[in-house]
Amino acid sequence: MKTDKLRGLDPAEMQTKLKEIDEQTFRIRFQMSMGQVDGLRRLREMRRERARLLTYLRQRELEGAK
């Protein structure tokens, strides 16, 4: 997902997106352990997207505290 779209989400939507990413990450890791999927690229993308979401959530939290 593009960074502009991620920034446009409200915090509740970001939390929902984080849950979806966690579920997908679990599935990919499970499939990789079974030798079914070579999903290393997708796993890396999801990890980065998760980090971006957490960063945006933290930024909004800090902006709200000011």
C-alpha atoms as a PDB file:
ATOM      1  CA  MET A   1       0.000   0.000   0.000  1.00  0.00           C
ATOM      2  CA  LYS A   2       1.270   3.475  -0.825  1.00  0.00           C
ATOM      3  CA  THR A   3       2.426   5.716   1.990  1.00  0.00           C
ATOM      4  CA  ASP A   4      -0.085   8.435   1.049  1.00  0.00           C
ATOM      5  CA  LYS A   5      -2.938   5.986   1.513  1.00  0.00           C
ATOM      6  CA  LEU A   6      -1.532   4.794   4.833  1.00  0.00           C
ATOM      7  CA  ARG A   7      -1.238   8.340   6.149  1.00  0.00           C
ATOM      8  CA  GLY A   8      -4.816   9.044   5.122  1.00  0.00           C
ATOM      9  CA  LEU A   9      -6.211   6.289   7.338  1.00  0.00           C
ATOM     10  CA  ASP A  10      -7.585   7.068  10.762  1.00  0.00           C
ATOM     11  CA  PRO A  11      -6.082   5.251  13.768  1.00  0.00           C
ATOM     12  CA  ALA A  12      -8.888   2.680  13.970  1.00  0.00           C
ATOM     13  CA  GLU A  13      -8.389   1.740  10.323  1.00  0.00           C
ATOM     14  CA  MET A  14      -4.638   1.510  10.922  1.00  0.00           C
ATOM     15  CA  GLN A  15      -5.222  -0.917  13.787  1.00  0.00           C
ATOM     16  CA  THR A  16      -7.449  -3.030  11.551  1.00  0.00           C
ATOM     17  CA  LYS A  17      -4.803  -3.016   8.824  1.00  0.00           C
ATOM     18  CA  LEU A  18      -2.172  -4.087  11.376  1.00  0.00           C
ATOM     19  CA  LYS A  19      -4.298  -7.070  12.386  1.00  0.00           C
ATOM     20  CA  GLU A  20      -4.702  -8.071   8.738  1.00  0.00           C
ATOM     21  CA  ILE A  21      -0.960  -7.825   8.165  1.00  0.00           C
ATOM     22  CA  ASP A  22      -0.257  -9.942  11.253  1.00  0.00           C
ATOM     23  CA  GLU A  23      -2.643 -12.642  10.047  1.00  0.00           C
ATOM     24  CA  GLN A  24      -1.164 -12.670   6.551  1.00  0.00           C
ATOM     25  CA  THR A  25       2.361 -12.782   7.955  1.00  0.00           C
ATOM     26  CA  PHE A  26       1.443 -15.785  10.071  1.00  0.00           C
ATOM     27  CA  ARG A  27      -0.016 -17.591   7.056  1.00  0.00           C
ATOM     28  CA  ILE A  28       3.016 -16.899   4.884  1.00  0.00           C
ATOM     29  CA  ARG A  29       5.426 -18.037   7.590  1.00  0.00           C
ATOM     30  CA  PHE A  30       3.414 -21.194   8.095  1.00  0.00           C
ATOM     31  CA  GLN A  31       3.398 -21.928   4.371  1.00  0.00           C
ATOM     32  CA  MET A  32       7.130 -21.258   4.154  1.00  0.00           C
ATOM     33  CA  SER A  33       7.810 -23.659   7.005  1.00  0.00           C
ATOM     34  CA  MET A  34       5.835 -26.318   5.156  1.00  0.00           C
ATOM     35  CA  GLY A  35       7.813 -25.607   1.988  1.00  0.00           C
ATOM     36  CA  GLN A  36       4.731 -24.610   0.011  1.00  0.00           C
ATOM     37  CA  VAL A  37       5.474 -20.986  -0.812  1.00  0.00           C
ATOM     38  CA  ASP A  38       8.550 -18.970  -1.538  1.00  0.00           C
ATOM     39  CA  GLY A  39       7.068 -15.831   0.009  1.00  0.00           C
ATOM     40  CA  LEU A  40      10.203 -14.119   1.234  1.00  0.00           C
ATOM     41  CA  ARG A  41       9.623 -10.990  -0.862  1.00  0.00           C
ATOM     42  CA  ARG A  42       6.005 -10.684   0.294  1.00  0.00           C
ATOM     43  CA  LEU A  43       7.069 -11.258   3.900  1.00  0.00           C
ATOM     44  CA  ARG A  44       9.583  -8.419   3.685  1.00  0.00           C
ATOM     45  CA  GLU A  45       7.016  -6.089   2.126  1.00  0.00           C
ATOM     46  CA  MET A  46       4.532  -6.852   4.888  1.00  0.00           C
ATOM     47  CA  ARG A  47       7.149  -6.269   7.570  1.00  0.00           C
ATOM     48  CA  ARG A  48       7.928  -2.854   6.092  1.00  0.00           C
ATOM     49  CA  GLU A  49       4.273  -1.942   5.748  1.00  0.00           C
ATOM     50  CA  ARG A  50       3.685  -2.940   9.375  1.00  0.00           C
ATOM     51  CA  ALA A  51       6.598  -0.755  10.477  1.00  0.00           C
ATOM     52  CA  ARG A  52       5.206   2.186   8.495  1.00  0.00           C
ATOM     53  CA  LEU A  53       1.796   1.794  10.110  1.00  0.00           C
ATOM     54  CA  LEU A  54       3.309   1.648  13.590  1.00  0.00           C
ATOM     55  CA  THR A  55       5.361   4.754  12.818  1.00  0.00           C
ATOM     56  CA  TYR A  56       2.321   6.705  11.647  1.00  0.00           C
ATOM     57  CA  LEU A  57       0.350   5.608  14.704  1.00  0.00           C
ATOM     58  CA  ARG A  58       3.157   6.770  16.983  1.00  0.00           C
ATOM     59  CA  GLN A  59       3.409  10.118  15.170  1.00  0.00           C
ATOM     60  CA  ARG A  60      -0.294  10.738  15.643  1.00  0.00           C
ATOM     61  CA  GLU A  61      -0.046   9.725  19.279  1.00  0.00           C
ATOM     62  CA  LEU A  62       2.768  12.241  19.817  1.00  0.00           C
ATOM     63  CA  GLU A  63       0.902  14.976  17.938  1.00  0.00           C
ATOM     64  CA  GLY A  64      -2.144  14.391  20.120  1.00  0.00           C
ATOM     65  CA  ALA A  65      -0.079  14.697  23.288  1.00  0.00           C
ATOM     66  CA  LYS A  66       1.095  18.217  22.383  1.00  0.00           C
END
